[in-house]
């Protein structure tokens, strides 16, 4: 006899990257520790573990949380911020890996 489907199974959970994710999301900027140059705008559900200290040191960056909100709102915020940077300076911030600005 099979048991009823548990609502907490992995197949019922919303993926962390889904725009439907109900958890609080954070918008951040990575800036150069010496110059203050913007290196990237990003989003994360887990700002305390998004980057290791070793990684931030390797790119001479610090992370600053700028806003928080729904996954969807912050996703589009970081997309807009990286694209505004490209509009203003002719290229994406140095640490943006996507050709689409996120």
C-alpha atoms as a PDB file:
ATOM      1  CA  UNK A   1       0.000   0.000   0.000  1.00  0.00           C
ATOM      2  CA  UNK A   2       1.439   3.346  -0.972  1.00  0.00           C
ATOM      3  CA  UNK A   3       1.316   6.297   1.383  1.00  0.00           C
ATOM      4  CA  UNK A   4      -0.276   9.614   0.411  1.00  0.00           C
ATOM      5  CA  UNK A   5       2.056  12.078  -1.219  1.00  0.00           C
ATOM      6  CA  UNK A   6       3.821  14.197   1.374  1.00  0.00           C
ATOM      7  CA  UNK A   7       3.613  17.921   0.591  1.00  0.00           C
ATOM      8  CA  UNK A   8       7.238  18.343   1.644  1.00  0.00           C
ATOM      9  CA  UNK A   9       8.775  16.047  -0.950  1.00  0.00           C
ATOM     10  CA  UNK A  10      11.374  17.492  -3.285  1.00  0.00           C
ATOM     11  CA  UNK A  11       9.013  17.314  -6.261  1.00  0.00           C
ATOM     12  CA  UNK A  12       6.557  19.629  -4.451  1.00  0.00           C
ATOM     13  CA  UNK A  13       9.114  22.264  -3.496  1.00  0.00           C
ATOM     14  CA  UNK A  14       9.714  25.382  -5.530  1.00  0.00           C
ATOM     15  CA  UNK A  15      13.301  25.526  -6.767  1.00  0.00           C
ATOM     16  CA  UNK A  16      15.470  28.246  -5.240  1.00  0.00           C
ATOM     17  CA  UNK A  17      16.009  29.860  -8.643  1.00  0.00           C
ATOM     18  CA  UNK A  18      12.323  29.914  -9.532  1.00  0.00           C
ATOM     19  CA  UNK A  19      10.764  33.366  -9.694  1.00  0.00           C
ATOM     20  CA  UNK A  20       7.927  31.820  -7.672  1.00  0.00           C
ATOM     21  CA  UNK A  21      10.239  31.119  -4.723  1.00  0.00           C
ATOM     22  CA  UNK A  22       8.496  32.692  -1.706  1.00  0.00           C
ATOM     23  CA  UNK A  23      11.656  33.256   0.356  1.00  0.00           C
ATOM     24  CA  UNK A  24      13.175  36.695   0.897  1.00  0.00           C
ATOM     25  CA  UNK A  25      15.804  37.464  -1.740  1.00  0.00           C
ATOM     26  CA  UNK A  26      18.619  40.004  -1.514  1.00  0.00           C
ATOM     27  CA  UNK A  27      20.085  42.342  -4.104  1.00  0.00           C
ATOM     28  CA  UNK A  28      23.782  43.067  -3.703  1.00  0.00           C
ATOM     29  CA  UNK A  29      26.704  44.760  -5.335  1.00  0.00           C
ATOM     30  CA  UNK A  30      30.295  43.573  -5.370  1.00  0.00           C
ATOM     31  CA  UNK A  31      32.717  46.488  -5.225  1.00  0.00           C
ATOM     32  CA  UNK A  32      36.483  46.705  -5.371  1.00  0.00           C
ATOM     33  CA  UNK A  33      37.815  47.191  -1.815  1.00  0.00           C
ATOM     34  CA  UNK A  34      40.344  49.829  -2.882  1.00  0.00           C
ATOM     35  CA  UNK A  35      38.644  51.797  -5.634  1.00  0.00           C
ATOM     36  CA  UNK A  36      34.937  51.268  -4.966  1.00  0.00           C
ATOM     37  CA  UNK A  37      34.522  50.210  -8.619  1.00  0.00           C
ATOM     38  CA  UNK A  38      31.334  48.235  -9.210  1.00  0.00           C
ATOM     39  CA  UNK A  39      32.225  44.675 -10.149  1.00  0.00           C
ATOM     40  CA  UNK A  40      28.764  43.103 -10.299  1.00  0.00           C
ATOM     41  CA  UNK A  41      25.151  43.454  -9.248  1.00  0.00           C
ATOM     42  CA  UNK A  42      23.621  40.175  -8.130  1.00  0.00           C
ATOM     43  CA  UNK A  43      20.897  38.399  -6.241  1.00  0.00           C
ATOM     44  CA  UNK A  44      20.952  35.713  -3.583  1.00  0.00           C
ATOM     45  CA  UNK A  45      18.709  33.977  -1.118  1.00  0.00           C
ATOM     46  CA  UNK A  46      21.676  33.406   1.205  1.00  0.00           C
ATOM     47  CA  UNK A  47      23.906  36.482   1.431  1.00  0.00           C
ATOM     48  CA  UNK A  48      26.041  35.111   4.270  1.00  0.00           C
ATOM     49  CA  UNK A  49      27.180  32.151   2.199  1.00  0.00           C
ATOM     50  CA  UNK A  50      26.938  33.487  -1.382  1.00  0.00           C
ATOM     51  CA  UNK A  51      30.703  33.992  -1.684  1.00  0.00           C
ATOM     52  CA  UNK A  52      33.587  32.605   0.313  1.00  0.00           C
ATOM     53  CA  UNK A  53      36.092  34.955   1.893  1.00  0.00           C
ATOM     54  CA  UNK A  54      38.762  33.388  -0.320  1.00  0.00           C
ATOM     55  CA  UNK A  55      36.810  34.244  -3.471  1.00  0.00           C
ATOM     56  CA  UNK A  56      36.120  37.821  -2.384  1.00  0.00           C
ATOM     57  CA  UNK A  57      39.801  38.257  -1.500  1.00  0.00           C
ATOM     58  CA  UNK A  58      40.844  36.797  -4.869  1.00  0.00           C
ATOM     59  CA  UNK A  59      38.886  39.503  -6.724  1.00  0.00           C
ATOM     60  CA  UNK A  60      39.597  42.185  -4.075  1.00  0.00           C
ATOM     61  CA  UNK A  61      35.877  42.649  -3.502  1.00  0.00           C
ATOM     62  CA  UNK A  62      33.402  43.249  -0.757  1.00  0.00           C
ATOM     63  CA  UNK A  63      29.705  42.476  -0.943  1.00  0.00           C
ATOM     64  CA  UNK A  64      27.135  45.094   0.031  1.00  0.00           C
ATOM     65  CA  UNK A  65      23.453  44.247   0.401  1.00  0.00           C
ATOM     66  CA  UNK A  66      21.410  47.014  -1.234  1.00  0.00           C
ATOM     67  CA  UNK A  67      17.837  45.743  -1.122  1.00  0.00           C
ATOM     68  CA  UNK A  68      15.592  42.798  -0.407  1.00  0.00           C
ATOM     69  CA  UNK A  69      12.255  41.555  -1.624  1.00  0.00           C
ATOM     70  CA  UNK A  70      10.600  38.800  -3.598  1.00  0.00           C
ATOM     71  CA  UNK A  71      12.688  36.558  -5.822  1.00  0.00           C
ATOM     72  CA  UNK A  72      11.006  38.016  -8.894  1.00  0.00           C
ATOM     73  CA  UNK A  73      11.516  41.660  -7.860  1.00  0.00           C
ATOM     74  CA  UNK A  74      15.181  41.199  -6.957  1.00  0.00           C
ATOM     75  CA  UNK A  75      15.894  39.121 -10.069  1.00  0.00           C
ATOM     76  CA  UNK A  76      14.648  41.922 -12.299  1.00  0.00           C
ATOM     77  CA  UNK A  77      16.379  44.529 -10.111  1.00  0.00           C
ATOM     78  CA  UNK A  78      19.810  42.945 -10.676  1.00  0.00           C
ATOM     79  CA  UNK A  79      19.085  42.491 -14.378  1.00  0.00           C
ATOM     80  CA  UNK A  80      18.147  46.173 -14.665  1.00  0.00           C
ATOM     81  CA  UNK A  81      21.156  47.346 -12.643  1.00  0.00           C
ATOM     82  CA  UNK A  82      23.664  45.384 -14.743  1.00  0.00           C
ATOM     83  CA  UNK A  83      22.019  46.578 -17.955  1.00  0.00           C
ATOM     84  CA  UNK A  84      21.960  50.192 -16.767  1.00  0.00           C
ATOM     85  CA  UNK A  85      25.690  49.868 -16.042  1.00  0.00           C
ATOM     86  CA  UNK A  86      26.199  48.596 -19.607  1.00  0.00           C
ATOM     87  CA  UNK A  87      24.119  51.462 -21.013  1.00  0.00           C
ATOM     88  CA  UNK A  88      26.179  53.996 -19.056  1.00  0.00           C
ATOM     89  CA  UNK A  89      29.674  52.499 -19.567  1.00  0.00           C
ATOM     90  CA  UNK A  90      29.330  50.452 -22.772  1.00  0.00           C
ATOM     91  CA  UNK A  91      29.965  47.077 -21.131  1.00  0.00           C
ATOM     92  CA  UNK A  92      28.756  44.970 -18.236  1.00  0.00           C
ATOM     93  CA  UNK A  93      30.521  45.158 -14.865  1.00  0.00           C
ATOM     94  CA  UNK A  94      33.719  43.074 -14.892  1.00  0.00           C
ATOM     95  CA  UNK A  95      32.399  40.085 -12.928  1.00  0.00           C
ATOM     96  CA  UNK A  96      29.111  39.634 -14.824  1.00  0.00           C
ATOM     97  CA  UNK A  97      29.444  36.311 -16.625  1.00  0.00           C
ATOM     98  CA  UNK A  98      26.247  36.355 -18.655  1.00  0.00           C
ATOM     99  CA  UNK A  99      25.938  38.111 -22.017  1.00  0.00           C
ATOM    100  CA  UNK A 100      22.445  39.101 -20.854  1.00  0.00           C
ATOM    101  CA  UNK A 101      23.432  41.025 -17.729  1.00  0.00           C
ATOM    102  CA  UNK A 102      22.752  38.447 -15.050  1.00  0.00           C
END
